């Protein structure tokens, strides 16, 4: 499945491939058919790819989207909270990230 290829590309450090594949995935309807927790986890992986590629705004969009789909994937996982904290400390923080960080209890 294409989602798996995005995650594998992130793990390999091939961020260009990860972001490119992610952009293909979101154009298709298959992502919407997955259970919410899988979509949320996938969007968190996509956020990590964007962050590692230096696209803070893209990473912020993905985390805010993940929170909208499956809040527990963002609010309860320590690794995702760390990612959110990194984004919240960015100057300026991507739209929606500061609000989400405050909601989750992460301070700048």
Protein backbone atom coordinates (compact mmCIF):
# COMPACT_ATOMS: atom_id res chain seq x y z
CA UNK A 1 0.00 0.00 0.00
CA UNK A 2 1.21 3.51 -0.79
CA UNK A 3 0.87 4.63 2.85
CA UNK A 4 3.47 2.09 3.89
CA UNK A 5 5.86 3.39 1.25
CA UNK A 6 5.59 6.89 2.71
CA UNK A 7 6.43 5.63 6.19
CA UNK A 8 9.32 3.50 4.90
CA UNK A 9 10.72 6.47 2.98
CA UNK A 10 10.61 8.58 6.17
CA UNK A 11 12.41 5.86 8.13
CA UNK A 12 15.08 5.59 5.41
CA UNK A 13 15.55 9.34 5.49
CA UNK A 14 14.42 9.75 1.88
CA UNK A 15 12.33 12.80 2.65
CA UNK A 16 11.81 13.92 -0.92
CA UNK A 17 10.28 10.56 -1.77
CA UNK A 18 8.21 10.56 1.41
CA UNK A 19 6.71 13.98 0.77
CA UNK A 20 6.15 13.24 -2.92
CA UNK A 21 4.40 9.96 -2.19
CA UNK A 22 2.34 11.61 0.54
CA UNK A 23 1.09 14.21 -1.92
CA UNK A 24 -0.04 11.37 -4.19
CA UNK A 25 -1.76 9.60 -1.30
CA UNK A 26 -3.83 12.60 -0.26
CA UNK A 27 -5.14 13.03 -3.81
CA UNK A 28 -6.67 9.57 -3.71
CA UNK A 29 -9.78 8.50 -1.81
CA UNK A 30 -8.16 5.42 -0.25
CA UNK A 31 -6.98 7.34 2.80
CA UNK A 32 -10.56 8.26 3.70
CA UNK A 33 -11.58 4.61 3.80
CA UNK A 34 -9.13 3.76 6.56
CA UNK A 35 -10.22 3.78 10.20
CA UNK A 36 -9.65 7.14 11.88
CA UNK A 37 -6.78 5.93 14.08
CA UNK A 38 -4.85 4.67 11.04
CA UNK A 39 -5.41 7.94 9.19
CA UNK A 40 -4.28 9.88 12.25
CA UNK A 41 -1.13 7.78 12.67
CA UNK A 42 -0.36 8.14 8.98
CA UNK A 43 -0.77 11.93 9.14
CA UNK A 44 1.63 12.03 12.10
CA UNK A 45 4.20 10.13 10.01
CA UNK A 46 3.64 12.61 7.18
CA UNK A 47 4.14 15.48 9.65
CA UNK A 48 7.46 13.99 10.67
CA UNK A 49 8.52 13.80 7.01
CA UNK A 50 7.63 17.44 6.46
CA UNK A 51 9.46 18.50 9.62
CA UNK A 52 12.61 16.58 8.69
CA UNK A 53 12.43 18.11 5.21
CA UNK A 54 12.34 21.57 6.82
CA UNK A 55 8.73 22.35 5.89
CA UNK A 56 7.34 23.50 9.24
CA UNK A 57 4.07 24.72 7.74
CA UNK A 58 3.48 21.34 6.06
CA UNK A 59 4.30 19.53 9.30
CA UNK A 60 1.90 21.77 11.18
CA UNK A 61 -0.90 21.14 8.68
CA UNK A 62 -0.43 17.39 9.02
CA UNK A 63 -0.48 17.45 12.84
CA UNK A 64 -3.55 19.66 12.97
CA UNK A 65 -5.24 17.35 10.45
CA UNK A 66 -4.23 14.29 12.49
CA UNK A 67 -5.72 15.86 15.60
CA UNK A 68 -8.96 16.50 13.73
CA UNK A 69 -9.17 12.87 12.59
CA UNK A 70 -7.85 11.01 15.64
CA UNK A 71 -7.02 13.28 18.59
CA UNK A 72 -5.55 10.42 20.65
CA UNK A 73 -2.84 9.90 18.02
CA UNK A 74 -1.59 13.43 18.70
CA UNK A 75 -2.46 14.01 22.33
CA UNK A 76 -1.51 10.70 23.93
CA UNK A 77 1.59 9.47 22.10
CA UNK A 78 4.85 10.73 23.59
CA UNK A 79 6.66 10.79 20.23
CA UNK A 80 3.89 12.87 18.66
CA UNK A 81 3.84 15.26 21.61
CA UNK A 82 7.59 15.72 21.13
CA UNK A 83 7.01 16.51 17.45
CA UNK A 84 4.27 18.96 18.40
CA UNK A 85 6.59 20.63 20.91
CA UNK A 86 9.28 21.06 18.26
CA UNK A 87 6.79 22.69 15.93
CA UNK A 88 5.29 24.89 18.66
CA UNK A 89 8.73 26.29 19.48
CA UNK A 90 9.32 27.27 15.84
CA UNK A 91 9.23 30.94 15.02
CA UNK A 92 6.59 31.55 13.98
CA UNK A 93 4.69 28.42 14.91
CA UNK A 94 2.68 27.03 11.98
CA UNK A 95 -1.03 27.95 12.02
CA UNK A 96 -3.04 25.88 14.47
CA UNK A 97 0.05 24.41 16.15
CA UNK A 98 0.21 26.91 19.02
CA UNK A 99 -3.46 26.33 19.80
CA UNK A 100 -3.01 22.56 19.66
CA UNK A 101 0.10 22.69 21.83
CA UNK A 102 -1.74 24.76 24.45
CA UNK A 103 -4.70 22.38 24.32
CA UNK A 104 -2.39 19.43 24.90
CA UNK A 105 -0.49 21.20 27.68
CA UNK A 106 2.77 21.89 25.87
CA UNK A 107 4.18 25.33 26.51
CA UNK A 108 6.44 27.24 24.20
